[in-house]
Amino acid sequence: MHQRLAVFHLGGEVMSAAFAMVALNVPADADFAGIKALLNQGQEEGWWHYEVGCGTDEWWNA
């Protein structure tokens, strides 16, 4: 996941090796549309499932 999202220069952390959960920090000036497109593609292709814990209007409208 980190390799696929590396182009967006996001911060984040992995919860543990045993529990494959990743939390990402998306800066306010990030390419929201590009990030959302990749997250949706990954979910549709079975790479991952994602949820947005906190999103701004800019995120939701991208």
Foldseek 3Di string as FASTA:
>chain_A
DCVVCVVQVWDWDAPDPVDGDIDTDHDPPTPLVVVVVVQVVCVVVVVDHDDDPDDDPVNVVD
